[in-house]
């Protein structure tokens, strides 16, 4: 904006002065309005929206200094030049401290006043330009931040899929182990998203790796704790979270999961292991994994291998978990699990069992395909194609499928 046609508001209780100054500035191609007291000036401030105000100090009702305070509150962009008949340094300093651009005494030197007004308008324009640049820079930073967030989201997603891949391989030799990790990871992710966790992928990865320490133990200990075990075996089982932590912390990409995995067996009342942490001292990711883990274990006892397919049938498992809510498990996590189960009732997948010869491309498996020897042929949620169907047909002749074939409908 050029100074030409800038808006000036002249405020003085002397009508003649207002008119004289109005005529002078109109001749200089300014857009001019007048007010005869402080209250009228505030009305014109909102209606006229001036760029510069010439404000007399001594006025009835609302004097210039009082009006200055109110003007600065309402409009920080307008420049104010104070005009007074009394030359008083203290008053001048007070006005400048309150945000006035300048201070001029009567009788007014019109040439000097014009110079001051132009200076005030230039100062205003400089401030507006700086604010515009700051806004543009801030907008640019916001755009860059959003771009980096999108990039990080893609990187985190890709890293997540890469780091969970070993469990896909492991599942071929140990289907139950792989299926449990897959189920706990999926449910942990669902809970984490519903709780608006910042790093949901980290929770899901922690769930995948939560039992990794079991691989260093005898396979008969993988299924869960037993009171029939010897004291040494029981002690070793309680060491699993630490073993799992040591495995993941040996890899830089997985280091952040160490604390999450270590504290998955802690209880809210401090009765858990290995460190006896209490309440919020337990990482929220660990609390989520603890609930997802026990839910899948209970569902597995009933032969439920695909938690996504069977979640709507999880009320009984939830009732068992609720008995430990607040003591063993985080009550807020249990409540979120309850909400997910309730919501899933209305969008649960339907499935059909089909024969081997009825398998067709584009069908999606709703359950794992397991052979007589316990090998995983294909995991649930696999979309069939001619190659995977041929694989099933050939393997079935050597190691018959005993799980049946269930597909989503």
Protein backbone atom coordinates (compact mmCIF):
# COMPACT_ATOMS: atom_id res chain seq x y z
CA UNK A 1 0.00 0.00 0.00
CA UNK A 2 1.32 3.50 -0.92
CA UNK A 3 0.93 6.45 1.44
CA UNK A 4 -1.42 8.06 -1.09
CA UNK A 5 -5.07 7.80 0.03
CA UNK A 6 -4.04 6.48 3.45
CA UNK A 7 -6.75 6.83 6.07
CA UNK A 8 -6.25 9.48 8.76
CA UNK A 9 -8.54 10.08 11.74
CA UNK A 10 -8.28 13.53 13.38
CA UNK A 11 -9.53 13.65 16.98
CA UNK A 12 -9.90 17.05 18.67
CA UNK A 13 -12.67 18.67 20.68
CA UNK A 14 -12.08 21.98 18.82
CA UNK A 15 -14.19 21.82 15.67
CA UNK A 16 -12.15 24.48 13.84
CA UNK A 17 -8.88 22.57 14.33
CA UNK A 18 -10.46 19.35 13.05
CA UNK A 19 -11.76 21.04 9.93
CA UNK A 20 -8.48 22.87 9.22
CA UNK A 21 -6.43 19.69 9.55
CA UNK A 22 -8.98 17.75 7.51
CA UNK A 23 -8.73 20.25 4.65
CA UNK A 24 -4.91 20.21 4.80
CA UNK A 25 -4.58 16.41 4.64
CA UNK A 26 -7.36 16.11 2.03
CA UNK A 27 -5.30 18.43 -0.20
CA UNK A 28 -2.39 15.98 0.29
CA UNK A 29 -4.58 13.18 -1.12
CA UNK A 30 -5.28 11.49 2.21
CA UNK A 31 -8.64 9.95 3.12
CA UNK A 32 -9.71 11.88 6.23
CA UNK A 33 -12.34 11.52 8.96
CA UNK A 34 -12.78 13.54 12.18
CA UNK A 35 -14.01 12.94 15.73
CA UNK A 36 -14.61 15.48 18.50
CA UNK A 37 -14.01 13.33 21.58
CA UNK A 38 -12.42 10.05 22.66
CA UNK A 39 -15.64 8.08 22.61
CA UNK A 40 -16.45 9.17 19.06
CA UNK A 41 -12.87 8.27 18.10
CA UNK A 42 -13.39 4.66 19.24
CA UNK A 43 -16.54 4.41 17.13
CA UNK A 44 -14.67 5.75 14.08
CA UNK A 45 -11.80 3.36 14.82
CA UNK A 46 -14.12 0.40 14.26
CA UNK A 47 -16.05 1.90 11.36
CA UNK A 48 -13.40 3.90 9.44
CA UNK A 49 -10.42 1.67 10.31
CA UNK A 50 -7.80 4.43 10.05
CA UNK A 51 -4.11 3.86 9.38
CA UNK A 52 -3.01 6.86 11.47
CA UNK A 53 -4.74 8.86 14.22
CA UNK A 54 -3.95 12.43 15.25
CA UNK A 55 -5.14 12.40 18.86
CA UNK A 56 -5.58 15.48 21.05
CA UNK A 57 -4.78 14.81 24.71
CA UNK A 58 -7.11 17.25 26.44
CA UNK A 59 -10.73 16.36 25.62
CA UNK A 60 -13.97 15.96 27.60
CA UNK A 61 -15.53 12.59 28.58
CA UNK A 62 -12.58 10.43 27.47
CA UNK A 63 -9.23 12.19 27.23
CA UNK A 64 -6.52 11.36 24.72
CA UNK A 65 -4.33 9.27 27.03
CA UNK A 66 -7.30 7.14 28.11
CA UNK A 67 -8.40 6.81 24.49
CA UNK A 68 -4.84 5.78 23.50
CA UNK A 69 -4.98 2.80 25.89
CA UNK A 70 -8.26 1.62 24.39
CA UNK A 71 -7.11 2.20 20.80
CA UNK A 72 -3.99 0.05 21.31
CA UNK A 73 -6.16 -2.75 22.72
CA UNK A 74 -8.51 -2.67 19.75
CA UNK A 75 -6.06 -2.12 16.90
CA UNK A 76 -2.32 -2.75 17.20
CA UNK A 77 -1.65 -1.78 13.56
CA UNK A 78 -2.85 1.83 13.67
CA UNK A 79 -0.22 4.49 14.38
CA UNK A 80 -1.12 7.26 16.85
CA UNK A 81 0.41 10.75 17.01
CA UNK A 82 -0.48 12.67 20.19
CA UNK A 83 -1.18 16.40 19.97
CA UNK A 84 -1.22 18.71 23.01
CA UNK A 85 -1.13 22.40 23.89
CA UNK A 86 1.24 21.72 26.79
CA UNK A 87 4.87 20.66 26.31
CA UNK A 88 5.39 18.14 29.09
CA UNK A 89 8.22 15.60 28.83
CA UNK A 90 6.69 13.23 31.39
CA UNK A 91 3.37 13.13 29.50
CA UNK A 92 5.23 12.61 26.22
CA UNK A 93 7.22 9.68 27.67
CA UNK A 94 4.04 8.16 29.09
CA UNK A 95 2.33 8.35 25.68
CA UNK A 96 5.30 6.81 23.89
CA UNK A 97 5.42 4.01 26.46
CA UNK A 98 1.74 3.32 25.81
CA UNK A 99 2.43 2.87 22.10
CA UNK A 100 2.14 6.32 20.52
CA UNK A 101 4.33 6.89 17.46
CA UNK A 102 4.92 10.60 18.07
CA UNK A 103 4.15 13.62 20.27
CA UNK A 104 3.50 17.12 18.83
CA UNK A 105 2.69 20.40 20.62
CA UNK A 106 0.32 23.14 19.52
CA UNK A 107 0.37 25.36 17.63
CA UNK A 108 1.01 22.70 15.01
CA UNK A 109 3.65 23.17 12.32
CA UNK A 110 1.81 21.65 9.34
CA UNK A 111 4.96 20.75 7.40
CA UNK A 112 6.41 19.00 10.46
CA UNK A 113 3.07 17.29 11.13
CA UNK A 114 2.92 16.01 7.53
CA UNK A 115 6.45 14.67 7.88
CA UNK A 116 5.48 12.89 11.13
CA UNK A 117 2.34 11.40 9.58
CA UNK A 118 4.31 10.08 6.59
CA UNK A 119 6.88 8.65 9.00
CA UNK A 120 4.14 6.96 11.02
CA UNK A 121 2.54 5.47 7.89
CA UNK A 122 5.91 4.23 6.61
CA UNK A 123 6.57 2.69 10.02
CA UNK A 124 3.17 1.01 9.92
CA UNK A 125 3.78 -0.32 6.42
CA UNK A 126 7.18 -1.69 7.47
CA UNK A 127 5.59 -3.50 10.41
CA UNK A 128 2.88 -4.96 8.17
CA UNK A 129 5.48 -6.13 5.65
CA UNK A 130 7.49 -7.78 8.44
CA UNK A 131 4.36 -9.48 9.74
CA UNK A 132 3.53 -10.65 6.23
CA UNK A 133 7.02 -12.10 5.83
CA UNK A 134 6.77 -13.76 9.22
CA UNK A 135 3.40 -15.26 8.28
CA UNK A 136 4.75 -16.48 4.94
CA UNK A 137 7.75 -18.00 6.72
CA UNK A 138 5.48 -19.59 9.33
CA UNK A 139 3.20 -20.96 6.59
CA UNK A 140 6.25 -22.32 4.80
CA UNK A 141 7.48 -23.97 8.00
CA UNK A 142 4.03 -25.49 8.54
CA UNK A 143 4.04 -26.84 4.98
CA UNK A 144 7.53 -28.26 5.48
CA UNK A 145 6.46 -29.78 8.79
CA UNK A 146 3.44 -31.44 7.16
CA UNK A 147 5.65 -32.72 4.35
CA UNK A 148 8.14 -34.20 6.81
CA UNK A 149 5.28 -35.70 8.82
CA UNK A 150 3.99 -37.41 5.68
CA UNK A 151 7.48 -38.64 4.85
CA UNK A 152 7.99 -39.93 8.39
CA UNK A 153 4.63 -41.67 8.25
CA UNK A 154 5.69 -43.47 5.07
CA UNK A 155 9.11 -44.30 6.53
CA UNK A 156 7.57 -45.55 9.76
CA UNK A 157 5.08 -47.68 7.84
CA UNK A 158 7.80 -49.14 5.63
CA UNK A 159 10.05 -49.75 8.64
CA UNK A 160 7.15 -51.39 10.46
CA UNK A 161 6.50 -53.81 7.59
CA UNK A 162 10.21 -54.59 7.24
CA UNK A 163 10.68 -55.29 10.97
CA UNK A 164 7.63 -57.53 11.23
CA UNK A 165 8.68 -59.61 8.22
CA UNK A 166 10.83 -62.05 10.28
CA UNK A 167 7.64 -63.14 12.05
CA UNK A 168 6.06 -63.99 8.72
CA UNK A 169 8.99 -66.34 8.09
CA UNK A 170 8.88 -67.72 11.62
CA UNK A 171 5.19 -68.52 11.25
CA UNK A 172 5.87 -71.11 8.56
CA UNK A 173 7.66 -73.33 11.07
CA UNK A 174 5.80 -72.21 14.20
CA UNK A 175 2.26 -71.24 13.13
CA UNK A 176 0.88 -70.84 16.64
CA UNK A 177 3.74 -68.57 17.69
CA UNK A 178 3.41 -66.50 14.53
CA UNK A 179 -0.36 -66.32 14.74
CA UNK A 180 -0.26 -65.15 18.36
CA UNK A 181 2.24 -62.39 17.54
CA UNK A 182 0.16 -61.30 14.56
CA UNK A 183 -3.03 -61.18 16.63
CA UNK A 184 -1.50 -59.29 19.55
CA UNK A 185 0.12 -56.78 17.18
CA UNK A 186 -3.13 -56.15 15.31
CA UNK A 187 -5.18 -55.68 18.48
CA UNK A 188 -2.49 -53.50 20.10
CA UNK A 189 -2.52 -51.28 17.02
CA UNK A 190 -6.33 -51.00 17.15
CA UNK A 191 -6.23 -50.05 20.84
CA UNK A 192 -3.36 -47.60 20.33
CA UNK A 193 -5.14 -45.84 17.47
CA UNK A 194 -8.34 -45.53 19.49
CA UNK A 195 -6.32 -44.05 22.40
CA UNK A 196 -4.63 -41.58 20.00
CA UNK A 197 -1.11 -42.76 20.81
CA UNK A 198 1.56 -40.76 19.03
CA UNK A 199 3.60 -43.81 17.95
CA UNK A 200 1.06 -46.55 17.24
CA UNK A 201 3.51 -48.42 15.00
CA UNK A 202 5.91 -48.74 17.95
CA UNK A 203 3.18 -50.34 20.04
CA UNK A 204 2.40 -52.83 17.25
CA UNK A 205 6.07 -53.70 16.78
CA UNK A 206 6.48 -54.17 20.52
CA UNK A 207 3.58 -56.61 20.33
CA UNK A 208 5.23 -58.56 17.51
CA UNK A 209 8.48 -58.87 19.48
CA UNK A 210 6.98 -59.27 22.96
CA UNK A 211 7.57 -63.05 23.06
CA UNK A 212 10.82 -63.17 21.08
CA UNK A 213 12.70 -64.29 24.20
CA UNK A 214 10.70 -67.55 24.22
CA UNK A 215 12.65 -68.74 21.17
CA UNK A 216 15.65 -69.34 23.44
CA UNK A 217 13.57 -71.60 25.71
CA UNK A 218 12.30 -75.18 25.25
CA UNK A 219 9.26 -75.24 22.95
CA UNK A 220 7.07 -76.74 25.68
CA UNK A 221 7.36 -73.39 27.51
CA UNK A 222 6.00 -71.33 24.64
CA UNK A 223 2.35 -72.00 25.37
CA UNK A 224 2.17 -70.29 28.75
CA UNK A 225 2.91 -70.61 32.45
CA UNK A 226 2.11 -73.86 34.28
CA UNK A 227 1.88 -74.47 38.02
CA UNK A 228 3.16 -78.01 37.39
CA UNK A 229 6.59 -76.72 36.42
CA UNK A 230 9.62 -76.95 38.67
CA UNK A 231 10.67 -73.79 40.58
CA UNK A 232 13.59 -73.28 38.18
CA UNK A 233 11.32 -73.52 35.16
CA UNK A 234 8.88 -71.02 36.69
CA UNK A 235 11.75 -68.63 37.42
CA UNK A 236 13.02 -68.97 33.85
CA UNK A 237 9.58 -68.22 32.44
CA UNK A 238 9.38 -64.97 34.40
CA UNK A 239 12.70 -64.04 32.80
CA UNK A 240 11.18 -63.97 29.29
CA UNK A 241 10.53 -60.17 29.20
CA UNK A 242 14.19 -59.51 29.98
CA UNK A 243 15.35 -62.03 27.37
CA UNK A 244 13.08 -60.35 24.81
CA UNK A 245 14.42 -56.93 25.77
CA UNK A 246 18.00 -58.07 25.28
CA UNK A 247 17.20 -59.38 21.80
CA UNK A 248 15.63 -56.15 20.53
CA UNK A 249 18.13 -53.83 22.20
CA UNK A 250 20.95 -55.50 20.29
CA UNK A 251 19.52 -53.87 17.14
CA UNK A 252 19.55 -50.08 16.78
CA UNK A 253 16.24 -50.03 14.88
CA UNK A 254 14.49 -51.89 17.69
CA UNK A 255 16.16 -50.27 20.70
CA UNK A 256 13.11 -48.13 21.55
CA UNK A 257 11.08 -51.30 22.05
CA UNK A 258 13.27 -52.56 24.92
CA UNK A 259 11.46 -50.82 27.77
CA UNK A 260 8.04 -51.61 26.26
CA UNK A 261 8.80 -55.33 26.06
CA UNK A 262 10.49 -55.50 29.46
CA UNK A 263 7.43 -54.16 31.28
CA UNK A 264 4.67 -56.06 29.47
CA UNK A 265 4.19 -58.33 32.51
CA UNK A 266 4.02 -55.60 35.14
CA UNK A 267 0.71 -55.21 36.99
CA UNK A 268 -1.03 -51.95 37.81
CA UNK A 269 -0.91 -52.75 41.55
CA UNK A 270 2.85 -53.51 41.47
CA UNK A 271 2.52 -57.29 41.77
CA UNK A 272 3.95 -57.99 38.30
CA UNK A 273 7.49 -58.64 37.08
CA UNK A 274 10.37 -58.11 36.46
CA UNK A 275 10.57 -54.73 38.25
CA UNK A 276 7.31 -54.43 40.20
CA UNK A 277 6.35 -51.14 38.55
CA UNK A 278 3.07 -49.52 39.60
CA UNK A 279 0.37 -47.70 37.58
CA UNK A 280 1.54 -44.99 35.19
CA UNK A 281 5.19 -45.92 35.77
CA UNK A 282 4.46 -48.80 33.37
CA UNK A 283 4.78 -47.60 29.75
CA UNK A 284 1.36 -47.20 28.14
CA UNK A 285 2.49 -49.40 25.23
CA UNK A 286 3.32 -52.18 27.71
CA UNK A 287 -0.12 -51.85 29.31
CA UNK A 288 -1.78 -52.14 25.90
CA UNK A 289 0.26 -55.20 24.92
CA UNK A 290 -0.55 -56.87 28.25
CA UNK A 291 -4.30 -56.59 27.59
CA UNK A 292 -4.05 -57.60 23.92
CA UNK A 293 -1.82 -60.55 24.85
CA UNK A 294 -4.11 -62.03 27.49
CA UNK A 295 -7.17 -61.46 25.30
CA UNK A 296 -5.62 -63.49 22.46
CA UNK A 297 -4.47 -66.19 24.86
CA UNK A 298 -8.01 -66.63 26.19
CA UNK A 299 -9.46 -66.57 22.68
CA UNK A 300 -6.88 -69.14 21.58
CA UNK A 301 -7.99 -71.53 24.30
CA UNK A 302 -11.35 -71.61 22.53
CA UNK A 303 -9.77 -72.33 19.17
CA UNK A 304 -10.06 -68.76 17.92
CA UNK A 305 -7.00 -68.23 15.72
CA UNK A 306 -7.98 -65.13 13.73
CA UNK A 307 -8.64 -62.32 16.18
CA UNK A 308 -9.92 -59.99 13.46
CA UNK A 309 -12.50 -62.57 12.45
CA UNK A 310 -13.45 -63.58 15.98
CA UNK A 311 -13.27 -60.26 17.84
CA UNK A 312 -17.05 -59.95 17.95
CA UNK A 313 -17.09 -63.22 19.94
CA UNK A 314 -14.74 -61.81 22.55
CA UNK A 315 -17.23 -60.85 25.28
CA UNK A 316 -16.43 -63.85 27.49
CA UNK A 317 -12.69 -63.20 27.21
CA UNK A 318 -13.32 -59.56 28.05
CA UNK A 319 -15.30 -60.54 31.17
CA UNK A 320 -12.31 -62.53 32.40
CA UNK A 321 -9.97 -59.59 31.82
CA UNK A 322 -12.33 -57.16 33.56
CA UNK A 323 -11.87 -59.10 36.81
CA UNK A 324 -8.27 -57.88 36.83
CA UNK A 325 -9.05 -54.36 35.62
CA UNK A 326 -7.37 -51.72 37.76
CA UNK A 327 -5.28 -54.28 39.61
CA UNK A 328 -3.57 -56.31 36.94
CA UNK A 329 -4.59 -54.43 33.81
CA UNK A 330 -4.98 -50.73 33.01
CA UNK A 331 -8.71 -49.99 33.34
CA UNK A 332 -8.61 -47.41 30.54
CA UNK A 333 -7.09 -49.94 28.13
CA UNK A 334 -9.68 -52.56 29.10
CA UNK A 335 -12.43 -50.00 28.49
CA UNK A 336 -11.06 -49.24 25.01
CA UNK A 337 -10.92 -52.97 24.24
CA UNK A 338 -14.58 -53.19 25.28
CA UNK A 339 -15.45 -50.33 22.89
CA UNK A 340 -13.58 -52.02 20.03
CA UNK A 341 -15.38 -55.33 20.59
CA UNK A 342 -18.73 -53.55 20.68
CA UNK A 343 -17.95 -51.63 17.49
CA UNK A 344 -16.66 -54.76 15.77
CA UNK A 345 -20.00 -56.50 16.27
CA UNK A 346 -21.43 -54.31 13.53
CA UNK A 347 -18.63 -54.73 11.02
CA UNK A 348 -17.35 -58.23 11.72
CA UNK A 349 -16.41 -60.27 8.66
CA UNK A 350 -18.53 -63.18 7.61
CA UNK A 351 -16.80 -66.33 6.47
CA UNK A 352 -17.59 -69.53 4.63
CA UNK A 353 -15.86 -72.88 4.68
CA UNK A 354 -15.08 -74.12 1.19
CA UNK A 355 -13.57 -77.32 -0.18
CA UNK A 356 -10.08 -77.54 -1.61
CA UNK A 357 -11.41 -77.82 -5.14
CA UNK A 358 -13.63 -74.73 -4.69
CA UNK A 359 -10.72 -72.38 -3.95
CA UNK A 360 -10.56 -69.59 -6.54
CA UNK A 361 -8.45 -66.50 -7.27
CA UNK A 362 -9.34 -63.31 -5.33
CA UNK A 363 -10.78 -65.24 -2.39
CA UNK A 364 -9.37 -63.96 0.91
CA UNK A 365 -8.51 -66.46 3.61
CA UNK A 366 -10.21 -65.68 6.91
CA UNK A 367 -8.14 -68.28 8.81
CA UNK A 368 -4.64 -69.75 8.61
CA UNK A 369 -4.14 -72.84 6.47
CA UNK A 370 -2.28 -75.45 8.58
CA UNK A 371 -1.02 -78.90 7.55
CA UNK A 372 -1.04 -82.17 9.49
CA UNK A 373 2.61 -81.65 10.50
CA UNK A 374 1.76 -78.23 11.96
CA UNK A 375 3.22 -76.15 9.13
CA UNK A 376 1.64 -72.88 8.08
CA UNK A 377 0.83 -72.95 4.38
CA UNK A 378 -0.83 -69.52 4.11
CA UNK A 379 -1.79 -67.02 6.78
CA UNK A 380 -5.22 -65.44 7.20
CA UNK A 381 -5.98 -62.33 5.14
CA UNK A 382 -4.00 -63.78 2.21
CA UNK A 383 -5.72 -63.09 -1.11
CA UNK A 384 -5.53 -66.22 -3.25
CA UNK A 385 -4.09 -66.26 -6.76
CA UNK A 386 -3.32 -69.15 -9.18
CA UNK A 387 0.19 -69.59 -7.70
CA UNK A 388 -0.98 -69.85 -4.07
CA UNK A 389 -3.81 -72.23 -5.03
CA UNK A 390 -1.32 -74.48 -6.88
CA UNK A 391 0.90 -74.42 -3.80
CA UNK A 392 -1.98 -75.64 -1.62
CA UNK A 393 -2.91 -78.40 -4.08
CA UNK A 394 0.66 -79.75 -4.27
CA UNK A 395 1.39 -79.54 -0.54
CA UNK A 396 -1.92 -81.14 0.34
CA UNK A 397 -0.79 -84.34 -1.43
CA UNK A 398 2.40 -84.49 0.69
CA UNK A 399 1.26 -82.96 3.99
CA UNK A 400 -2.56 -82.80 4.11
CA UNK A 401 -4.27 -79.61 5.27
CA UNK A 402 -6.14 -80.23 8.53
CA UNK A 403 -7.35 -76.69 9.28
CA UNK A 404 -9.92 -76.55 6.50
CA UNK A 405 -10.34 -73.62 4.14
CA UNK A 406 -12.22 -70.56 5.39
CA UNK A 407 -12.70 -67.49 3.22
CA UNK A 408 -14.25 -64.10 3.86
CA UNK A 409 -17.58 -63.48 2.20
